[in-house]
Amino acid sequence: GADRAFDIAGALARYEHETVVVELYRATAATELPEAAA
């Protein structure tokens, strides 16, 4: 996804692996609290 909590490519690079990242989706935040929650 477009938002990642941990840099997998960077971590694997320390072991000399190459990681090609393809971002296939994005999680978009709501602009207001959902009515059901409110």
Full PDB file with SEQRES, HELIX, SHEET, SSBOND, CRYST1, ORIGX, SCALE, CONECT and MASTER records, all heavy atoms in Angstrom:
SEQRES   1 A   38  GLY ALA ASP ARG ALA PHE ASP ILE ALA GLY ALA LEU ALA          
SEQRES   2 A   38  ARG TYR GLU HIS GLU THR VAL VAL VAL GLU LEU TYR ARG          
SEQRES   3 A   38  ALA THR ALA ALA THR GLU LEU PRO GLU ALA ALA ALA              
HELIX    1 AA1 ILE A    8  ALA A   13  1                                   6    
CRYST1    1.000    1.000    1.000  90.00  90.00  90.00 P 1           1          
ORIGX1      1.000000  0.000000  0.000000        0.00000                         
ORIGX2      0.000000  1.000000  0.000000        0.00000                         
ORIGX3      0.000000  0.000000  1.000000        0.00000                         
SCALE1      1.000000  0.000000  0.000000        0.00000                         
SCALE2      0.000000  1.000000  0.000000        0.00000                         
SCALE3      0.000000  0.000000  1.000000        0.00000                         
ATOM      1  N   GLY A   1       0.831  -1.190   0.000  1.00  0.00           N  
ATOM      2  CA  GLY A   1       0.000   0.000   0.000  1.00  0.00           C  
ATOM      3  C   GLY A   1       0.868   1.242   0.000  1.00  0.00           C  
ATOM      4  O   GLY A   1       2.088   1.178   0.206  1.00  0.00           O  
ATOM      5  N   ALA A   2       0.241   2.382  -0.214  1.00  0.00           N  
ATOM      6  CA  ALA A   2       0.997   3.633  -0.276  1.00  0.00           C  
ATOM      7  C   ALA A   2       1.538   4.037   1.092  1.00  0.00           C  
ATOM      8  O   ALA A   2       2.570   4.713   1.182  1.00  0.00           O  
ATOM      9  CB  ALA A   2       0.113   4.739  -0.843  1.00  0.00           C  
ATOM     10  N   ASP A   3       0.854   3.642   2.160  1.00  0.00           N  
ATOM     11  CA  ASP A   3       1.280   3.986   3.520  1.00  0.00           C  
ATOM     12  C   ASP A   3       1.801   2.728   4.195  1.00  0.00           C  
ATOM     13  O   ASP A   3       1.062   1.760   4.383  1.00  0.00           O  
ATOM     14  CB  ASP A   3       0.108   4.572   4.316  1.00  0.00           C  
ATOM     15  CG  ASP A   3      -0.441   5.815   3.657  1.00  0.00           C  
ATOM     16  OD1 ASP A   3       0.277   6.827   3.614  1.00  0.00           O  
ATOM     17  OD2 ASP A   3      -1.593   5.766   3.171  1.00  0.00           O  
ATOM     18  N   ARG A   4       3.072   2.749   4.580  1.00  0.00           N  
ATOM     19  CA  ARG A   4       3.686   1.565   5.171  1.00  0.00           C  
ATOM     20  C   ARG A   4       4.329   1.925   6.502  1.00  0.00           C  
ATOM     21  O   ARG A   4       5.057   2.918   6.606  1.00  0.00           O  
ATOM     22  CB  ARG A   4       4.729   0.975   4.213  1.00  0.00           C  
ATOM     23  CG  ARG A   4       4.109   0.482   2.913  1.00  0.00           C  
ATOM     24  CD  ARG A   4       5.138  -0.132   1.984  1.00  0.00           C  
ATOM     25  NE  ARG A   4       6.088   0.837   1.452  1.00  0.00           N  
ATOM     26  CZ  ARG A   4       5.834   1.674   0.451  1.00  0.00           C  
ATOM     27  NH1 ARG A   4       4.630   1.687  -0.116  1.00  0.00           N  
ATOM     28  NH2 ARG A   4       6.761   2.508   0.019  1.00  0.00           N  
ATOM     29  N   ALA A   5       4.067   1.100   7.503  1.00  0.00           N  
ATOM     30  CA  ALA A   5       4.573   1.368   8.842  1.00  0.00           C  
ATOM     31  C   ALA A   5       6.031   0.978   8.998  1.00  0.00           C  
ATOM     32  O   ALA A   5       6.715   1.481   9.896  1.00  0.00           O  
ATOM     33  CB  ALA A   5       3.724   0.625   9.882  1.00  0.00           C  
ATOM     34  N   PHE A   6       6.521   0.094   8.118  1.00  0.00           N  
ATOM     35  CA  PHE A   6       7.879  -0.420   8.270  1.00  0.00           C  
ATOM     36  C   PHE A   6       8.520  -0.522   6.895  1.00  0.00           C  
ATOM     37  O   PHE A   6       7.884  -0.961   5.929  1.00  0.00           O  
ATOM     38  CB  PHE A   6       7.833  -1.796   8.947  1.00  0.00           C  
ATOM     39  CG  PHE A   6       9.170  -2.452   9.123  1.00  0.00           C  
ATOM     40  CD1 PHE A   6      10.110  -1.907   9.987  1.00  0.00           C  
ATOM     41  CD2 PHE A   6       9.499  -3.597   8.427  1.00  0.00           C  
ATOM     42  CE1 PHE A   6      11.356  -2.509  10.156  1.00  0.00           C  
ATOM     43  CE2 PHE A   6      10.730  -4.213   8.587  1.00  0.00           C  
ATOM     44  CZ  PHE A   6      11.660  -3.658   9.452  1.00  0.00           C  
ATOM     45  N   ASP A   7       9.788  -0.123   6.804  1.00  0.00           N  
ATOM     46  CA  ASP A   7      10.513  -0.124   5.536  1.00  0.00           C  
ATOM     47  C   ASP A   7      11.111  -1.512   5.274  1.00  0.00           C  
ATOM     48  O   ASP A   7      12.260  -1.786   5.635  1.00  0.00           O  
ATOM     49  CB  ASP A   7      11.616   0.943   5.575  1.00  0.00           C  
ATOM     50  CG  ASP A   7      12.399   1.020   4.268  1.00  0.00           C  
ATOM     51  OD1 ASP A   7      11.966   0.406   3.267  1.00  0.00           O  
ATOM     52  OD2 ASP A   7      13.451   1.689   4.259  1.00  0.00           O  
ATOM     53  N   ILE A   8      10.320  -2.370   4.646  1.00  0.00           N  
ATOM     54  CA  ILE A   8      10.762  -3.734   4.364  1.00  0.00           C  
ATOM     55  C   ILE A   8      11.917  -3.726   3.371  1.00  0.00           C  
ATOM     56  O   ILE A   8      12.906  -4.462   3.533  1.00  0.00           O  
ATOM     57  CB  ILE A   8       9.584  -4.572   3.848  1.00  0.00           C  
ATOM     58  CG1 ILE A   8       8.651  -4.886   5.021  1.00  0.00           C  
ATOM     59  CG2 ILE A   8      10.052  -5.858   3.180  1.00  0.00           C  
ATOM     60  CD1 ILE A   8       7.392  -5.588   4.636  1.00  0.00           C  
ATOM     61  N   ALA A   9      11.819  -2.910   2.331  1.00  0.00           N  
ATOM     62  CA  ALA A   9      12.885  -2.853   1.331  1.00  0.00           C  
ATOM     63  C   ALA A   9      14.210  -2.443   1.963  1.00  0.00           C  
ATOM     64  O   ALA A   9      15.267  -3.020   1.673  1.00  0.00           O  
ATOM     65  CB  ALA A   9      12.503  -1.893   0.211  1.00  0.00           C  
ATOM     66  N   GLY A  10      14.162  -1.453   2.832  1.00  0.00           N  
ATOM     67  CA  GLY A  10      15.377  -1.000   3.496  1.00  0.00           C  
ATOM     68  C   GLY A  10      15.967  -2.058   4.411  1.00  0.00           C  
ATOM     69  O   GLY A  10      17.187  -2.249   4.474  1.00  0.00           O  
ATOM     70  N   ALA A  11      15.078  -2.764   5.132  1.00  0.00           N  
ATOM     71  CA  ALA A  11      15.548  -3.807   6.044  1.00  0.00           C  
ATOM     72  C   ALA A  11      16.174  -4.964   5.279  1.00  0.00           C  
ATOM     73  O   ALA A  11      17.215  -5.507   5.686  1.00  0.00           O  
ATOM     74  CB  ALA A  11      14.387  -4.303   6.902  1.00  0.00           C  
ATOM     75  N   LEU A  12      15.585  -5.347   4.157  1.00  0.00           N  
ATOM     76  CA  LEU A  12      16.132  -6.448   3.367  1.00  0.00           C  
ATOM     77  C   LEU A  12      17.418  -6.053   2.648  1.00  0.00           C  
ATOM     78  O   LEU A  12      18.272  -6.902   2.373  1.00  0.00           O  
ATOM     79  CB  LEU A  12      15.082  -6.935   2.367  1.00  0.00           C  
ATOM     80  CG  LEU A  12      13.962  -7.791   2.971  1.00  0.00           C  
ATOM     81  CD1 LEU A  12      12.833  -7.986   1.971  1.00  0.00           C  
ATOM     82  CD2 LEU A  12      14.507  -9.142   3.435  1.00  0.00           C  
ATOM     83  N   ALA A  13      17.550  -4.767   2.348  1.00  0.00           N  
ATOM     84  CA  ALA A  13      18.777  -4.300   1.680  1.00  0.00           C  
ATOM     85  C   ALA A  13      20.006  -4.536   2.548  1.00  0.00           C  
ATOM     86  O   ALA A  13      21.113  -4.715   2.030  1.00  0.00           O  
ATOM     87  CB  ALA A  13      18.649  -2.820   1.336  1.00  0.00           C  
ATOM     88  N   ARG A  14      19.823  -4.569   3.856  1.00  0.00           N  
ATOM     89  CA  ARG A  14      20.956  -4.818   4.744  1.00  0.00           C  
ATOM     90  C   ARG A  14      21.502  -6.232   4.583  1.00  0.00           C  
ATOM     91  O   ARG A  14      22.625  -6.519   4.980  1.00  0.00           O  
ATOM     92  CB  ARG A  14      20.539  -4.557   6.193  1.00  0.00           C  
ATOM     93  CG  ARG A  14      20.274  -3.080   6.492  1.00  0.00           C  
ATOM     94  CD  ARG A  14      20.254  -2.805   7.973  1.00  0.00           C  
ATOM     95  NE  ARG A  14      19.063  -3.335   8.616  1.00  0.00           N  
ATOM     96  CZ  ARG A  14      17.930  -2.667   8.748  1.00  0.00           C  
ATOM     97  NH1 ARG A  14      17.830  -1.440   8.267  1.00  0.00           N  
ATOM     98  NH2 ARG A  14      16.905  -3.211   9.356  1.00  0.00           N  
ATOM     99  N   TYR A  15      20.665  -7.099   4.012  1.00  0.00           N  
ATOM    100  CA  TYR A  15      21.107  -8.470   3.712  1.00  0.00           C  
ATOM    101  C   TYR A  15      21.447  -8.627   2.227  1.00  0.00           C  
ATOM    102  O   TYR A  15      21.539  -9.738   1.725  1.00  0.00           O  
ATOM    103  CB  TYR A  15      20.019  -9.469   4.094  1.00  0.00           C  
ATOM    104  CG  TYR A  15      19.655  -9.446   5.560  1.00  0.00           C  
ATOM    105  CD1 TYR A  15      18.516  -8.770   5.994  1.00  0.00           C  
ATOM    106  CD2 TYR A  15      20.446 -10.086   6.506  1.00  0.00           C  
ATOM    107  CE1 TYR A  15      18.165  -8.754   7.341  1.00  0.00           C  
ATOM    108  CE2 TYR A  15      20.112 -10.077   7.856  1.00  0.00           C  
ATOM    109  CZ  TYR A  15      18.963  -9.406   8.262  1.00  0.00           C  
ATOM    110  OH  TYR A  15      18.626  -9.387   9.596  1.00  0.00           O  
ATOM    111  N   GLU A  16      21.587  -7.519   1.537  1.00  0.00           N  
ATOM    112  CA  GLU A  16      21.934  -7.468   0.115  1.00  0.00           C  
ATOM    113  C   GLU A  16      20.822  -7.982  -0.798  1.00  0.00           C  
ATOM    114  O   GLU A  16      21.077  -8.369  -1.936  1.00  0.00           O  
ATOM    115  CB  GLU A  16      23.248  -8.225  -0.150  1.00  0.00           C  
ATOM    116  CG  GLU A  16      24.434  -7.640   0.616  1.00  0.00           C  
ATOM    117  CD  GLU A  16      25.743  -8.338   0.270  1.00  0.00           C  
ATOM    118  OE1 GLU A  16      25.720  -9.283  -0.538  1.00  0.00           O  
ATOM    119  OE2 GLU A  16      26.781  -7.924   0.815  1.00  0.00           O  
ATOM    120  N   HIS A  17      19.587  -7.962  -0.314  1.00  0.00           N  
ATOM    121  CA  HIS A  17      18.448  -8.296  -1.162  1.00  0.00           C  
ATOM    122  C   HIS A  17      17.938  -7.019  -1.840  1.00  0.00           C  
ATOM    123  O   HIS A  17      18.014  -5.923  -1.275  1.00  0.00           O  
ATOM    124  CB  HIS A  17      17.304  -8.893  -0.339  1.00  0.00           C  
ATOM    125  CG  HIS A  17      17.651 -10.181   0.339  1.00  0.00           C  
ATOM    126  ND1 HIS A  17      18.082 -11.291  -0.336  1.00  0.00           N  
ATOM    127  CD2 HIS A  17      17.617 -10.534   1.652  1.00  0.00           C  
ATOM    128  CE1 HIS A  17      18.300 -12.280   0.515  1.00  0.00           C  
ATOM    129  NE2 HIS A  17      18.033 -11.846   1.740  1.00  0.00           N  
ATOM    130  N   GLU A  18      17.385  -7.181  -3.023  1.00  0.00           N  
ATOM    131  CA  GLU A  18      16.725  -6.074  -3.718  1.00  0.00           C  
ATOM    132  C   GLU A  18      15.218  -6.285  -3.623  1.00  0.00           C  
ATOM    133  O   GLU A  18      14.715  -7.362  -3.935  1.00  0.00           O  
ATOM    134  CB  GLU A  18      17.139  -6.026  -5.195  1.00  0.00           C  
ATOM    135  CG  GLU A  18      16.435  -4.910  -5.968  1.00  0.00           C  
ATOM    136  CD  GLU A  18      16.717  -4.958  -7.460  1.00  0.00           C  
ATOM    137  OE1 GLU A  18      17.476  -5.855  -7.891  1.00  0.00           O  
ATOM    138  OE2 GLU A  18      16.152  -4.119  -8.187  1.00  0.00           O  
ATOM    139  N   THR A  19      14.510  -5.255  -3.201  1.00  0.00           N  
ATOM    140  CA  THR A  19      13.052  -5.332  -3.087  1.00  0.00           C  
ATOM    141  C   THR A  19      12.425  -4.238  -3.933  1.00  0.00           C  
ATOM    142  O   THR A  19      12.668  -3.045  -3.701  1.00  0.00           O  
ATOM    143  CB  THR A  19      12.592  -5.178  -1.631  1.00  0.00           C  
ATOM    144  OG1 THR A  19      13.249  -6.160  -0.821  1.00  0.00           O  
ATOM    145  CG2 THR A  19      11.080  -5.368  -1.527  1.00  0.00           C  
ATOM    146  N   VAL A  20      11.643  -4.637  -4.914  1.00  0.00           N  
ATOM    147  CA  VAL A  20      10.926  -3.698  -5.778  1.00  0.00           C  
ATOM    148  C   VAL A  20       9.519  -3.540  -5.203  1.00  0.00           C  
ATOM    149  O   VAL A  20       8.772  -4.515  -5.083  1.00  0.00           O  
ATOM    150  CB  VAL A  20      10.866  -4.213  -7.224  1.00  0.00           C  
ATOM    151  CG1 VAL A  20      10.102  -3.222  -8.098  1.00  0.00           C  
ATOM    152  CG2 VAL A  20      12.277  -4.440  -7.751  1.00  0.00           C  
ATOM    153  N   VAL A  21       9.172  -2.315  -4.834  1.00  0.00           N  
ATOM    154  CA  VAL A  21       7.876  -2.047  -4.219  1.00  0.00           C  
ATOM    155  C   VAL A  21       6.901  -1.537  -5.276  1.00  0.00           C  
ATOM    156  O   VAL A  21       7.218  -0.599  -6.018  1.00  0.00           O  
ATOM    157  CB  VAL A  21       8.000  -1.007  -3.089  1.00  0.00           C  
ATOM    158  CG1 VAL A  21       6.638  -0.718  -2.471  1.00  0.00           C  
ATOM    159  CG2 VAL A  21       8.988  -1.495  -2.020  1.00  0.00           C  
ATOM    160  N   VAL A  22       5.715  -2.155  -5.357  1.00  0.00           N  
ATOM    161  CA  VAL A  22       4.652  -1.639  -6.211  1.00  0.00           C  
ATOM    162  C   VAL A  22       3.468  -1.288  -5.316  1.00  0.00           C  
ATOM    163  O   VAL A  22       2.952  -2.128  -4.569  1.00  0.00           O  
ATOM    164  CB  VAL A  22       4.247  -2.647  -7.311  1.00  0.00           C  
ATOM    165  CG1 VAL A  22       3.847  -3.994  -6.736  1.00  0.00           C  
ATOM    166  CG2 VAL A  22       3.097  -2.076  -8.152  1.00  0.00           C  
ATOM    167  N   GLU A  23       3.086  -0.022  -5.334  1.00  0.00           N  
ATOM    168  CA  GLU A  23       1.968   0.449  -4.515  1.00  0.00           C  
ATOM    169  C   GLU A  23       0.667   0.216  -5.272  1.00  0.00           C  
ATOM    170  O   GLU A  23       0.421   0.826  -6.321  1.00  0.00           O  
ATOM    171  CB  GLU A  23       2.152   1.924  -4.175  1.00  0.00           C  
ATOM    172  CG  GLU A  23       3.380   2.176  -3.305  1.00  0.00           C  
ATOM    173  CD  GLU A  23       3.572   3.641  -2.954  1.00  0.00           C  
ATOM    174  OE1 GLU A  23       2.846   4.492  -3.529  1.00  0.00           O  
ATOM    175  OE2 GLU A  23       4.443   3.934  -2.110  1.00  0.00           O  
ATOM    176  N   LEU A  24      -0.162  -0.670  -4.755  1.00  0.00           N  
ATOM    177  CA  LEU A  24      -1.374  -1.102  -5.441  1.00  0.00           C  
ATOM    178  C   LEU A  24      -2.645  -0.491  -4.866  1.00  0.00           C  
ATOM    179  O   LEU A  24      -3.699  -0.557  -5.493  1.00  0.00           O  
ATOM    180  CB  LEU A  24      -1.474  -2.629  -5.397  1.00  0.00           C  
ATOM    181  CG  LEU A  24      -0.336  -3.377  -6.101  1.00  0.00           C  
ATOM    182  CD1 LEU A  24      -0.418  -4.863  -5.793  1.00  0.00           C  
ATOM    183  CD2 LEU A  24      -0.396  -3.131  -7.599  1.00  0.00           C  
ATOM    184  N   TYR A  25      -2.551   0.096  -3.669  1.00  0.00           N  
ATOM    185  CA  TYR A  25      -3.741   0.690  -3.066  1.00  0.00           C  
ATOM    186  C   TYR A  25      -3.336   1.782  -2.087  1.00  0.00           C  
ATOM    187  O   TYR A  25      -2.176   1.877  -1.666  1.00  0.00           O  
ATOM    188  CB  TYR A  25      -4.587  -0.369  -2.341  1.00  0.00           C  
ATOM    189  CG  TYR A  25      -3.930  -0.919  -1.097  1.00  0.00           C  
ATOM    190  CD1 TYR A  25      -4.205  -0.390   0.158  1.00  0.00           C  
ATOM    191  CD2 TYR A  25      -3.028  -1.982  -1.168  1.00  0.00           C  
ATOM    192  CE1 TYR A  25      -3.603  -0.886   1.300  1.00  0.00           C  
ATOM    193  CE2 TYR A  25      -2.416  -2.484  -0.039  1.00  0.00           C  
ATOM    194  CZ  TYR A  25      -2.721  -1.933   1.195  1.00  0.00           C  
ATOM    195  OH  TYR A  25      -2.110  -2.424   2.314  1.00  0.00           O  
ATOM    196  N   ARG A  26      -4.309   2.609  -1.761  1.00  0.00           N  
ATOM    197  CA  ARG A  26      -4.110   3.669  -0.778  1.00  0.00           C  
ATOM    198  C   ARG A  26      -5.281   3.630   0.203  1.00  0.00           C  
ATOM    199  O   ARG A  26      -6.432   3.453  -0.205  1.00  0.00           O  
ATOM    200  CB  ARG A  26      -4.050   5.023  -1.464  1.00  0.00           C  
ATOM    201  CG  ARG A  26      -3.973   6.204  -0.503  1.00  0.00           C  
ATOM    202  CD  ARG A  26      -4.204   7.528  -1.194  1.00  0.00           C  
ATOM    203  NE  ARG A  26      -3.146   7.837  -2.164  1.00  0.00           N  
ATOM    204  CZ  ARG A  26      -3.314   7.918  -3.462  1.00  0.00           C  
ATOM    205  NH1 ARG A  26      -4.529   7.697  -3.982  1.00  0.00           N  
ATOM    206  NH2 ARG A  26      -2.316   8.205  -4.256  1.00  0.00           N  
ATOM    207  N   ALA A  27      -4.975   3.791   1.470  1.00  0.00           N  
ATOM    208  CA  ALA A  27      -6.021   3.908   2.482  1.00  0.00           C  
ATOM    209  C   ALA A  27      -6.253   5.393   2.750  1.00  0.00           C  
ATOM    210  O   ALA A  27      -5.368   6.090   3.252  1.00  0.00           O  
ATOM    211  CB  ALA A  27      -5.614   3.198   3.757  1.00  0.00           C  
ATOM    212  N   THR A  28      -7.432   5.883   2.380  1.00  0.00           N  
ATOM    213  CA  THR A  28      -7.760   7.302   2.512  1.00  0.00           C  
ATOM    214  C   THR A  28      -8.562   7.530   3.788  1.00  0.00           C  
ATOM    215  O   THR A  28      -9.551   6.837   4.044  1.00  0.00           O  
ATOM    216  CB  THR A  28      -8.572   7.783   1.303  1.00  0.00           C  
ATOM    217  OG1 THR A  28      -7.810   7.556   0.113  1.00  0.00           O  
ATOM    218  CG2 THR A  28      -8.893   9.261   1.416  1.00  0.00           C  
ATOM    219  N   ALA A  29      -8.133   8.488   4.588  1.00  0.00           N  
ATOM    220  CA  ALA A  29      -8.792   8.766   5.860  1.00  0.00           C  
ATOM    221  C   ALA A  29     -10.081   9.543   5.664  1.00  0.00           C  
ATOM    222  O   ALA A  29     -10.180  10.421   4.799  1.00  0.00           O  
ATOM    223  CB  ALA A  29      -7.850   9.549   6.774  1.00  0.00           C  
ATOM    224  N   ALA A  30     -11.074   9.222   6.486  1.00  0.00           N  
ATOM    225  CA  ALA A  30     -12.331   9.966   6.483  1.00  0.00           C  
ATOM    226  C   ALA A  30     -12.087  11.398   6.948  1.00  0.00           C  
ATOM    227  O   ALA A  30     -11.139  11.677   7.689  1.00  0.00           O  
ATOM    228  CB  ALA A  30     -13.346   9.282   7.397  1.00  0.00           C  
ATOM    229  N   THR A  31     -12.944  12.299   6.526  1.00  0.00           N  
ATOM    230  CA  THR A  31     -12.798  13.700   6.916  1.00  0.00           C  
ATOM    231  C   THR A  31     -13.658  14.060   8.126  1.00  0.00           C  
ATOM    232  O   THR A  31     -13.503  15.138   8.705  1.00  0.00           O  
ATOM    233  CB  THR A  31     -13.175  14.626   5.744  1.00  0.00           C  
ATOM    234  OG1 THR A  31     -14.511  14.319   5.313  1.00  0.00           O  
ATOM    235  CG2 THR A  31     -12.218  14.423   4.576  1.00  0.00           C  
ATOM    236  N   GLU A  32     -14.558  13.170   8.498  1.00  0.00           N  
ATOM    237  CA  GLU A  32     -15.356  13.386   9.702  1.00  0.00           C  
ATOM    238  C   GLU A  32     -15.705  12.035  10.317  1.00  0.00           C  
ATOM    239  O   GLU A  32     -15.651  10.998   9.645  1.00  0.00           O  
ATOM    240  CB  GLU A  32     -16.629  14.177   9.405  1.00  0.00           C  
ATOM    241  CG  GLU A  32     -17.570  13.527   8.432  1.00  0.00           C  
ATOM    242  CD  GLU A  32     -18.776  14.402   8.124  1.00  0.00           C  
ATOM    243  OE1 GLU A  32     -18.721  15.617   8.362  1.00  0.00           O  
ATOM    244  OE2 GLU A  32     -19.779  13.852   7.653  1.00  0.00           O  
ATOM    245  N   LEU A  33     -16.028  12.032  11.576  1.00  0.00           N  
ATOM    246  CA  LEU A  33     -16.345  10.803  12.286  1.00  0.00           C  
ATOM    247  C   LEU A  33     -17.569  10.143  11.651  1.00  0.00           C  
ATOM    248  O   LEU A  33     -18.588  10.811  11.432  1.00  0.00           O  
ATOM    249  CB  LEU A  33     -16.631  11.116  13.756  1.00  0.00           C  
ATOM    250  CG  LEU A  33     -16.763   9.922  14.702  1.00  0.00           C  
ATOM    251  CD1 LEU A  33     -15.429   9.204  14.848  1.00  0.00           C  
ATOM    252  CD2 LEU A  33     -17.281  10.395  16.053  1.00  0.00           C  
ATOM    253  N   PRO A  34     -17.492   8.858  11.307  1.00  0.00           N  
ATOM    254  CA  PRO A  34     -18.662   8.189  10.735  1.00  0.00           C  
ATOM    255  C   PRO A  34     -19.887   8.331  11.633  1.00  0.00           C  
ATOM    256  O   PRO A  34     -19.777   8.305  12.863  1.00  0.00           O  
ATOM    257  CB  PRO A  34     -18.206   6.725  10.641  1.00  0.00           C  
ATOM    258  CG  PRO A  34     -16.723   6.801  10.509  1.00  0.00           C  
ATOM    259  CD  PRO A  34     -16.316   7.967  11.370  1.00  0.00           C  
ATOM    260  N   GLU A  35     -21.046   8.482  11.015  1.00  0.00           N  
ATOM    261  CA  GLU A  35     -22.276   8.716  11.773  1.00  0.00           C  
ATOM    262  C   GLU A  35     -22.539   7.605  12.779  1.00  0.00           C  
ATOM    263  O   GLU A  35     -22.970   7.860  13.908  1.00  0.00           O  
ATOM    264  CB  GLU A  35     -23.457   8.843  10.810  1.00  0.00           C  
ATOM    265  CG  GLU A  35     -24.772   9.152  11.506  1.00  0.00           C  
ATOM    266  CD  GLU A  35     -25.928   9.300  10.530  1.00  0.00           C  
ATOM    267  OE1 GLU A  35     -25.715   9.033   9.327  1.00  0.00           O  
ATOM    268  OE2 GLU A  35     -27.027   9.681  10.964  1.00  0.00           O  
ATOM    269  N   ALA A  36     -22.267   6.364  12.380  1.00  0.00           N  
ATOM    270  CA  ALA A  36     -22.526   5.246  13.291  1.00  0.00           C  
ATOM    271  C   ALA A  36     -21.706   5.370  14.562  1.00  0.00           C  
ATOM    272  O   ALA A  36     -22.183   5.065  15.669  1.00  0.00           O  
ATOM    273  CB  ALA A  36     -22.225   3.925  12.589  1.00  0.00           C  
ATOM    274  N   ALA A  37     -20.460   5.816  14.424  1.00  0.00           N  
ATOM    275  CA  ALA A  37     -19.611   5.994  15.597  1.00  0.00           C  
ATOM    276  C   ALA A  37     -20.103   7.153  16.453  1.00  0.00           C  
ATOM    277  O   ALA A  37     -20.144   7.056  17.689  1.00  0.00           O  
ATOM    278  CB  ALA A  37     -18.167   6.231  15.171  1.00  0.00           C  
ATOM    279  N   ALA A  38     -20.465   8.258  15.816  1.00  0.00           N  
ATOM    280  CA  ALA A  38     -20.941   9.426  16.566  1.00  0.00           C  
ATOM    281  C   ALA A  38     -22.186   9.093  17.380  1.00  0.00           C  
ATOM    282  O   ALA A  38     -22.295   9.462  18.557  1.00  0.00           O  
ATOM    283  CB  ALA A  38     -21.219  10.579  15.602  1.00  0.00           C  
TER     284      ALA A  38                                                      
MASTER        0    0    0    1    0    0    0    6  283    1    0    3          
END                                                                             
